[in-house]
PDB file of all heavy atoms in Angstrom:
ATOM      1  N   HIS A   1      -4.685 295.442-265.647  1.00  0.00           N
ATOM      2  CA  HIS A   1      -5.080 296.438-266.720  1.00  0.00           C
ATOM      3  C   HIS A   1      -3.948 297.329-267.087  1.00  0.00           C
ATOM      4  O   HIS A   1      -3.972 297.817-268.113  1.00  0.00           O
ATOM      5  CB  HIS A   1      -6.276 297.241-266.105  1.00  0.00           C
ATOM      6  CG  HIS A   1      -5.940 298.079-264.921  1.00  0.00           C
ATOM      7  ND1 HIS A   1      -5.512 297.580-263.772  1.00  0.00           N
ATOM      8  CD2 HIS A   1      -5.982 299.454-264.806  1.00  0.00           C
ATOM      9  CE1 HIS A   1      -5.343 298.491-262.851  1.00  0.00           C
ATOM     10  NE2 HIS A   1      -5.670 299.676-263.451  1.00  0.00           N
ATOM     11  N   THR A   2      -2.935 297.411-266.185  1.00  0.00           N
ATOM     12  CA  THR A   2      -1.747 298.257-266.526  1.00  0.00           C
ATOM     13  C   THR A   2      -0.765 297.462-267.296  1.00  0.00           C
ATOM     14  O   THR A   2       0.231 298.111-267.934  1.00  0.00           O
ATOM     15  CB  THR A   2      -1.084 298.680-265.266  1.00  0.00           C
ATOM     16  OG1 THR A   2      -0.432 297.486-264.622  1.00  0.00           O
ATOM     17  CG2 THR A   2      -2.024 299.292-264.230  1.00  0.00           C
ATOM     18  N   GLN A   3      -0.984 296.219-267.637  1.00  0.00           N
ATOM     19  CA  GLN A   3      -0.027 295.398-268.376  1.00  0.00           C
ATOM     20  C   GLN A   3      -0.520 294.939-269.809  1.00  0.00           C
ATOM     21  O   GLN A   3       0.176 294.222-270.459  1.00  0.00           O
ATOM     22  CB  GLN A   3       0.350 294.119-267.514  1.00  0.00           C
ATOM     23  CG  GLN A   3       0.760 294.330-266.138  1.00  0.00           C
ATOM     24  CD  GLN A   3       2.097 295.190-266.080  1.00  0.00           C
ATOM     25  OE1 GLN A   3       3.028 294.915-266.720  1.00  0.00           O
ATOM     26  NE2 GLN A   3       2.084 296.335-265.285  1.00  0.00           N
ATOM     27  N   VAL A   4      -1.708 295.353-270.069  1.00  0.00           N
ATOM     28  CA  VAL A   4      -2.181 294.961-271.422  1.00  0.00           C
ATOM     29  C   VAL A   4      -1.450 295.655-272.554  1.00  0.00           C
ATOM     30  O   VAL A   4      -1.135 296.829-272.418  1.00  0.00           O
ATOM     31  CB  VAL A   4      -3.791 295.392-271.460  1.00  0.00           C
ATOM     32  CG1 VAL A   4      -4.312 295.260-272.923  1.00  0.00           C
ATOM     33  CG2 VAL A   4      -4.623 294.592-270.533  1.00  0.00           C
ATOM     34  N   THR A   5      -1.208 294.933-273.567  1.00  0.00           N
ATOM     35  CA  THR A   5      -0.507 295.445-274.703  1.00  0.00           C
ATOM     36  C   THR A   5      -1.212 294.980-276.047  1.00  0.00           C
ATOM     37  O   THR A   5      -2.230 294.203-275.924  1.00  0.00           O
ATOM     38  CB  THR A   5       0.992 294.907-274.872  1.00  0.00           C
ATOM     39  OG1 THR A   5       1.002 293.548-275.204  1.00  0.00           O
ATOM     40  CG2 THR A   5       1.702 295.146-273.602  1.00  0.00           C
ATOM     41  N   GLU A   6      -0.736 295.439-277.138  1.00  0.00           N
ATOM     42  CA  GLU A   6      -1.366 295.041-278.404  1.00  0.00           C
ATOM     43  C   GLU A   6      -1.192 293.530-278.593  1.00  0.00           C
ATOM     44  O   GLU A   6      -1.923 292.923-279.461  1.00  0.00           O
ATOM     45  CB  GLU A   6      -0.680 295.749-279.524  1.00  0.00           C
ATOM     46  CG  GLU A   6      -0.910 297.307-279.562  1.00  0.00           C
ATOM     47  CD  GLU A   6      -0.164 298.084-278.680  1.00  0.00           C
ATOM     48  OE1 GLU A   6       0.763 297.518-277.976  1.00  0.00           O
ATOM     49  OE2 GLU A   6      -0.182 299.322-278.719  1.00  0.00           O
ATOM     50  N   ALA A   7      -0.233 292.884-277.969  1.00  0.00           N
ATOM     51  CA  ALA A   7      -0.103 291.442-278.078  1.00  0.00           C
ATOM     52  C   ALA A   7      -0.791 290.599-277.070  1.00  0.00           C
ATOM     53  O   ALA A   7      -0.779 289.423-277.193  1.00  0.00           O
ATOM     54  CB  ALA A   7       1.414 291.116-277.903  1.00  0.00           C
ATOM     55  N   THR A   8      -1.719 291.203-276.276  1.00  0.00           N
ATOM     56  CA  THR A   8      -2.582 290.481-275.403  1.00  0.00           C
ATOM     57  C   THR A   8      -3.577 289.683-276.178  1.00  0.00           C
ATOM     58  O   THR A   8      -4.194 290.159-277.126  1.00  0.00           O
ATOM     59  CB  THR A   8      -3.259 291.441-274.411  1.00  0.00           C
ATOM     60  OG1 THR A   8      -2.198 292.104-273.614  1.00  0.00           O
ATOM     61  CG2 THR A   8      -4.117 290.638-273.490  1.00  0.00           C
ATOM     62  N   PRO A   9      -3.752 288.408-275.917  1.00  0.00           N
ATOM     63  CA  PRO A   9      -4.765 287.578-276.656  1.00  0.00           C
ATOM     64  C   PRO A   9      -6.154 288.144-276.551  1.00  0.00           C
ATOM     65  O   PRO A   9      -6.530 288.801-275.580  1.00  0.00           O
ATOM     66  CB  PRO A   9      -4.572 286.200-276.041  1.00  0.00           C
ATOM     67  CG  PRO A   9      -3.331 286.177-275.372  1.00  0.00           C
ATOM     68  CD  PRO A   9      -3.055 287.564-274.862  1.00  0.00           C
ATOM     69  N   PRO A  10      -7.005 287.780-277.579  1.00  0.00           N
ATOM     70  CA  PRO A  10      -8.463 288.251-277.407  1.00  0.00           C
ATOM     71  C   PRO A  10      -9.030 287.611-276.275  1.00  0.00           C
ATOM     72  O   PRO A  10      -8.699 286.539-275.752  1.00  0.00           O
ATOM     73  CB  PRO A  10      -9.025 287.454-278.681  1.00  0.00           C
ATOM     74  CG  PRO A  10      -7.863 287.396-279.640  1.00  0.00           C
ATOM     75  CD  PRO A  10      -6.647 287.187-278.795  1.00  0.00           C
ATOM     76  N   THR A  11      -9.983 288.478-275.655  1.00  0.00           N
ATOM     77  CA  THR A  11     -10.469 288.124-274.451  1.00  0.00           C
ATOM     78  C   THR A  11     -12.062 288.326-274.297  1.00  0.00           C
ATOM     79  O   THR A  11     -12.657 289.375-274.733  1.00  0.00           O
ATOM     80  CB  THR A  11      -9.863 289.191-273.349  1.00  0.00           C
ATOM     81  OG1 THR A  11      -8.442 289.073-273.424  1.00  0.00           O
ATOM     82  CG2 THR A  11     -10.253 288.862-271.965  1.00  0.00           C
ATOM     83  N   PHE A  12     -12.603 287.263-273.653  1.00  0.00           N
ATOM     84  CA  PHE A  12     -14.045 287.302-273.340  1.00  0.00           C
ATOM     85  C   PHE A  12     -14.198 287.551-271.844  1.00  0.00           C
ATOM     86  O   PHE A  12     -13.491 286.964-271.069  1.00  0.00           O
ATOM     87  CB  PHE A  12     -14.641 285.962-273.771  1.00  0.00           C
ATOM     88  CG  PHE A  12     -16.188 285.809-273.339  1.00  0.00           C
ATOM     89  CD1 PHE A  12     -17.128 286.121-274.305  1.00  0.00           C
ATOM     90  CD2 PHE A  12     -16.528 285.420-272.138  1.00  0.00           C
ATOM     91  CE1 PHE A  12     -18.500 285.981-274.052  1.00  0.00           C
ATOM     92  CE2 PHE A  12     -17.927 285.264-271.825  1.00  0.00           C
ATOM     93  CZ  PHE A  12     -18.808 285.463-272.783  1.00  0.00           C
ATOM     94  N   VAL A  13     -15.136 288.470-271.507  1.00  0.00           N
ATOM     95  CA  VAL A  13     -15.258 288.863-270.070  1.00  0.00           C
ATOM     96  C   VAL A  13     -16.701 288.805-269.751  1.00  0.00           C
ATOM     97  O   VAL A  13     -17.547 289.363-270.509  1.00  0.00           O
ATOM     98  CB  VAL A  13     -14.689 290.264-269.778  1.00  0.00           C
ATOM     99  CG1 VAL A  13     -14.853 290.515-268.294  1.00  0.00           C
ATOM    100  CG2 VAL A  13     -13.234 290.289-270.222  1.00  0.00           C
ATOM    101  N   TRP A  14     -17.070 288.207-268.578  1.00  0.00           N
ATOM    102  CA  TRP A  14     -18.401 288.351-268.053  1.00  0.00           C
ATOM    103  C   TRP A  14     -18.406 288.483-266.653  1.00  0.00           C
ATOM    104  O   TRP A  14     -17.541 288.029-265.937  1.00  0.00           O
ATOM    105  CB  TRP A  14     -19.365 287.209-268.538  1.00  0.00           C
ATOM    106  CG  TRP A  14     -19.247 285.954-267.692  1.00  0.00           C
ATOM    107  CD1 TRP A  14     -18.426 284.899-267.947  1.00  0.00           C
ATOM    108  CD2 TRP A  14     -20.064 285.502-266.620  1.00  0.00           C
ATOM    109  NE1 TRP A  14     -18.604 283.872-267.071  1.00  0.00           N
ATOM    110  CE2 TRP A  14     -19.658 284.261-266.119  1.00  0.00           C
ATOM    111  CE3 TRP A  14     -21.116 286.142-265.880  1.00  0.00           C
ATOM    112  CZ2 TRP A  14     -20.179 283.529-265.076  1.00  0.00           C
ATOM    113  CZ3 TRP A  14     -21.688 285.505-264.823  1.00  0.00           C
ATOM    114  CH2 TRP A  14     -21.186 284.278-264.455  1.00  0.00           C
ATOM    115  N   THR A  15     -19.374 289.208-266.008  1.00  0.00           N
ATOM    116  CA  THR A  15     -19.536 289.475-264.565  1.00  0.00           C
ATOM    117  C   THR A  15     -21.051 289.825-264.377  1.00  0.00           C
ATOM    118  O   THR A  15     -21.824 289.786-265.232  1.00  0.00           O
ATOM    119  CB  THR A  15     -18.462 290.499-264.191  1.00  0.00           C
ATOM    120  OG1 THR A  15     -18.595 290.582-262.733  1.00  0.00           O
ATOM    121  CG2 THR A  15     -18.750 291.857-264.792  1.00  0.00           C
ATOM    122  N   THR A  16     -21.216 290.285-263.173  1.00  0.00           N
ATOM    123  CA  THR A  16     -22.575 290.631-262.730  1.00  0.00           C
ATOM    124  C   THR A  16     -22.518 292.133-262.000  1.00  0.00           C
ATOM    125  O   THR A  16     -21.515 292.278-261.307  1.00  0.00           O
ATOM    126  CB  THR A  16     -23.222 289.705-261.775  1.00  0.00           C
ATOM    127  OG1 THR A  16     -22.427 289.471-260.649  1.00  0.00           O
ATOM    128  CG2 THR A  16     -23.592 288.376-262.535  1.00  0.00           C
ATOM    129  N   ALA A  17     -23.436 292.899-262.292  1.00  0.00           N
ATOM    130  CA  ALA A  17     -23.397 294.279-261.758  1.00  0.00           C
ATOM    131  C   ALA A  17     -23.552 294.319-260.202  1.00  0.00           C
ATOM    132  O   ALA A  17     -23.179 295.084-259.573  1.00  0.00           O
ATOM    133  CB  ALA A  17     -24.545 295.052-262.350  1.00  0.00           C
ATOM    134  N   GLU A  18     -24.134 293.231-259.619  1.00  0.00           N
ATOM    135  CA  GLU A  18     -24.325 293.101-258.191  1.00  0.00           C
ATOM    136  C   GLU A  18     -23.235 292.384-257.571  1.00  0.00           C
ATOM    137  O   GLU A  18     -23.332 292.157-256.320  1.00  0.00           O
ATOM    138  CB  GLU A  18     -25.585 292.403-257.880  1.00  0.00           C
ATOM    139  CG  GLU A  18     -26.949 293.210-258.280  1.00  0.00           C
ATOM    140  CD  GLU A  18     -28.204 292.460-257.961  1.00  0.00           C
ATOM    141  OE1 GLU A  18     -28.269 291.282-257.679  1.00  0.00           O
ATOM    142  OE2 GLU A  18     -29.231 293.170-257.934  1.00  0.00           O
ATOM    143  N   ASP A  19     -22.180 292.097-258.155  1.00  0.00           N
ATOM    144  CA  ASP A  19     -21.036 291.536-257.524  1.00  0.00           C
ATOM    145  C   ASP A  19     -20.253 292.494-256.672  1.00  0.00           C
ATOM    146  O   ASP A  19     -19.646 293.474-257.186  1.00  0.00           O
ATOM    147  CB  ASP A  19     -19.987 290.971-258.614  1.00  0.00           C
ATOM    148  CG  ASP A  19     -18.876 290.256-258.093  1.00  0.00           C
ATOM    149  OD1 ASP A  19     -18.617 290.219-256.870  1.00  0.00           O
ATOM    150  OD2 ASP A  19     -18.279 289.361-258.863  1.00  0.00           O
ATOM    151  N   THR A  20     -20.502 292.406-255.346  1.00  0.00           N
ATOM    152  CA  THR A  20     -19.825 293.224-254.363  1.00  0.00           C
ATOM    153  C   THR A  20     -18.513 292.682-253.817  1.00  0.00           C
ATOM    154  O   THR A  20     -17.754 293.399-253.225  1.00  0.00           O
ATOM    155  CB  THR A  20     -20.767 293.535-253.304  1.00  0.00           C
ATOM    156  OG1 THR A  20     -21.083 292.324-252.614  1.00  0.00           O
ATOM    157  CG2 THR A  20     -21.938 294.348-253.653  1.00  0.00           C
ATOM    158  N   SER A  21     -18.300 291.363-254.161  1.00  0.00           N
ATOM    159  CA  SER A  21     -17.010 290.853-253.737  1.00  0.00           C
ATOM    160  C   SER A  21     -15.814 291.217-254.589  1.00  0.00           C
ATOM    161  O   SER A  21     -14.762 291.467-254.114  1.00  0.00           O
ATOM    162  CB  SER A  21     -17.102 289.303-253.673  1.00  0.00           C
ATOM    163  OG  SER A  21     -18.087 288.849-252.728  1.00  0.00           O
ATOM    164  N   VAL A  22     -16.078 291.120-255.890  1.00  0.00           N
ATOM    165  CA  VAL A  22     -15.151 291.496-256.961  1.00  0.00           C
ATOM    166  C   VAL A  22     -15.844 292.530-257.864  1.00  0.00           C
ATOM    167  O   VAL A  22     -16.284 292.091-259.044  1.00  0.00           O
ATOM    168  CB  VAL A  22     -14.564 290.340-257.684  1.00  0.00           C
ATOM    169  CG1 VAL A  22     -13.603 290.715-258.811  1.00  0.00           C
ATOM    170  CG2 VAL A  22     -13.968 289.343-256.738  1.00  0.00           C
ATOM    171  N   PRO A  23     -16.018 293.779-257.445  1.00  0.00           N
ATOM    172  CA  PRO A  23     -16.829 294.696-258.127  1.00  0.00           C
ATOM    173  C   PRO A  23     -16.408 295.004-259.628  1.00  0.00           C
ATOM    174  O   PRO A  23     -15.122 295.252-259.952  1.00  0.00           O
ATOM    175  CB  PRO A  23     -16.720 295.945-257.389  1.00  0.00           C
ATOM    176  CG  PRO A  23     -16.349 295.522-256.033  1.00  0.00           C
ATOM    177  CD  PRO A  23     -15.442 294.459-256.271  1.00  0.00           C
ATOM    178  N   PRO A  24     -17.305 294.894-260.630  1.00  0.00           N
ATOM    179  CA  PRO A  24     -16.857 295.105-261.926  1.00  0.00           C
ATOM    180  C   PRO A  24     -16.176 296.508-262.163  1.00  0.00           C
ATOM    181  O   PRO A  24     -15.225 296.592-262.950  1.00  0.00           O
ATOM    182  CB  PRO A  24     -18.158 295.210-262.666  1.00  0.00           C
ATOM    183  CG  PRO A  24     -19.106 294.442-261.977  1.00  0.00           C
ATOM    184  CD  PRO A  24     -18.660 294.703-260.487  1.00  0.00           C
ATOM    185  N   ALA A  25     -16.535 297.528-261.475  1.00  0.00           N
ATOM    186  CA  ALA A  25     -15.958 298.805-261.697  1.00  0.00           C
ATOM    187  C   ALA A  25     -14.503 298.959-261.308  1.00  0.00           C
ATOM    188  O   ALA A  25     -13.763 299.698-261.841  1.00  0.00           O
ATOM    189  CB  ALA A  25     -16.642 299.900-260.816  1.00  0.00           C
ATOM    190  N   LYS A  26     -14.065 297.970-260.462  1.00  0.00           N
ATOM    191  CA  LYS A  26     -12.664 298.061-260.111  1.00  0.00           C
ATOM    192  C   LYS A  26     -11.913 296.858-260.630  1.00  0.00           C
ATOM    193  O   LYS A  26     -10.624 296.617-260.466  1.00  0.00           O
ATOM    194  CB  LYS A  26     -12.536 297.886-258.539  1.00  0.00           C
ATOM    195  CG  LYS A  26     -13.095 299.136-257.831  1.00  0.00           C
ATOM    196  CD  LYS A  26     -13.156 298.919-256.332  1.00  0.00           C
ATOM    197  CE  LYS A  26     -13.700 300.186-255.688  1.00  0.00           C
ATOM    198  NZ  LYS A  26     -13.815 300.051-254.146  1.00  0.00           N
ATOM    199  N   ASN A  27     -12.536 296.032-261.493  1.00  0.00           N
ATOM    200  CA  ASN A  27     -11.941 294.812-262.060  1.00  0.00           C
ATOM    201  C   ASN A  27     -12.110 294.701-263.575  1.00  0.00           C
ATOM    202  O   ASN A  27     -11.306 294.987-264.384  1.00  0.00           O
ATOM    203  CB  ASN A  27     -12.379 293.613-261.246  1.00  0.00           C
ATOM    204  CG  ASN A  27     -11.844 293.639-259.832  1.00  0.00           C
ATOM    205  OD1 ASN A  27     -10.715 293.359-259.700  1.00  0.00           O
ATOM    206  ND2 ASN A  27     -12.753 293.871-258.850  1.00  0.00           N
ATOM    207  N   ALA A  28     -13.321 294.199-263.892  1.00  0.00           N
ATOM    208  CA  ALA A  28     -13.635 293.837-265.288  1.00  0.00           C
ATOM    209  C   ALA A  28     -13.486 295.156-266.157  1.00  0.00           C
ATOM    210  O   ALA A  28     -12.979 295.142-267.276  1.00  0.00           O
ATOM    211  CB  ALA A  28     -14.971 293.157-265.463  1.00  0.00           C
ATOM    212  N   LEU A  29     -14.108 296.274-265.717  1.00  0.00           N
ATOM    213  CA  LEU A  29     -14.164 297.387-266.526  1.00  0.00           C
ATOM    214  C   LEU A  29     -12.847 298.015-266.852  1.00  0.00           C
ATOM    215  O   LEU A  29     -12.576 298.342-268.040  1.00  0.00           O
ATOM    216  CB  LEU A  29     -15.132 298.385-265.967  1.00  0.00           C
ATOM    217  CG  LEU A  29     -16.634 298.058-266.034  1.00  0.00           C
ATOM    218  CD1 LEU A  29     -17.490 299.139-265.340  1.00  0.00           C
ATOM    219  CD2 LEU A  29     -17.063 297.866-267.502  1.00  0.00           C
ATOM    220  N   PRO A  30     -11.912 298.174-265.819  1.00  0.00           N
ATOM    221  CA  PRO A  30     -10.647 298.682-266.143  1.00  0.00           C
ATOM    222  C   PRO A  30      -9.859 297.800-267.095  1.00  0.00           C
ATOM    223  O   PRO A  30      -9.145 298.330-268.035  1.00  0.00           O
ATOM    224  CB  PRO A  30      -9.951 298.782-264.764  1.00  0.00           C
ATOM    225  CG  PRO A  30     -11.014 298.878-263.797  1.00  0.00           C
ATOM    226  CD  PRO A  30     -12.058 298.045-264.356  1.00  0.00           C
ATOM    227  N   TYR A  31      -9.948 296.424-266.996  1.00  0.00           N
ATOM    228  CA  TYR A  31      -9.336 295.618-267.925  1.00  0.00           C
ATOM    229  C   TYR A  31      -9.802 295.701-269.306  1.00  0.00           C
ATOM    230  O   TYR A  31      -9.128 295.795-270.317  1.00  0.00           O
ATOM    231  CB  TYR A  31      -9.455 294.166-267.396  1.00  0.00           C
ATOM    232  CG  TYR A  31      -8.477 293.208-268.146  1.00  0.00           C
ATOM    233  CD1 TYR A  31      -7.166 293.091-267.834  1.00  0.00           C
ATOM    234  CD2 TYR A  31      -8.943 292.425-269.224  1.00  0.00           C
ATOM    235  CE1 TYR A  31      -6.211 292.318-268.394  1.00  0.00           C
ATOM    236  CE2 TYR A  31      -7.955 291.567-269.896  1.00  0.00           C
ATOM    237  CZ  TYR A  31      -6.668 291.541-269.445  1.00  0.00           C
ATOM    238  OH  TYR A  31      -5.833 290.663-270.056  1.00  0.00           O
ATOM    239  N   VAL A  32     -11.208 295.695-269.459  1.00  0.00           N
ATOM    240  CA  VAL A  32     -11.812 295.957-270.852  1.00  0.00           C
ATOM    241  C   VAL A  32     -11.380 297.232-271.504  1.00  0.00           C
ATOM    242  O   VAL A  32     -11.161 297.295-272.718  1.00  0.00           O
ATOM    243  CB  VAL A  32     -13.269 295.667-270.769  1.00  0.00           C
ATOM    244  CG1 VAL A  32     -13.971 296.033-272.058  1.00  0.00           C
ATOM    245  CG2 VAL A  32     -13.594 294.142-270.382  1.00  0.00           C
ATOM    246  N   THR A  33     -11.353 298.231-270.560  1.00  0.00           N
ATOM    247  CA  THR A  33     -10.996 299.504-271.200  1.00  0.00           C
ATOM    248  C   THR A  33      -9.573 299.504-271.751  1.00  0.00           C
ATOM    249  O   THR A  33      -9.240 300.061-272.782  1.00  0.00           O
ATOM    250  CB  THR A  33     -11.040 300.662-270.072  1.00  0.00           C
ATOM    251  OG1 THR A  33     -12.398 300.745-269.593  1.00  0.00           O
ATOM    252  CG2 THR A  33     -10.617 301.964-270.564  1.00  0.00           C
ATOM    253  N   ALA A  34      -8.651 298.855-271.046  1.00  0.00           N
ATOM    254  CA  ALA A  34      -7.360 298.630-271.507  1.00  0.00           C
ATOM    255  C   ALA A  34      -7.181 297.905-272.740  1.00  0.00           C
ATOM    256  O   ALA A  34      -6.393 298.235-273.714  1.00  0.00           O
ATOM    257  CB  ALA A  34      -6.424 298.013-270.463  1.00  0.00           C
TER     258      ALA A  34
END
């Protein structure tokens, strides 16, 4: 999420709210915010 730029390709993301192994709050959400 710290490396995203305007040149990053379009991105589709999916996950589940109950994912405790790779929690969305620490993974998918920071990336989509970037």
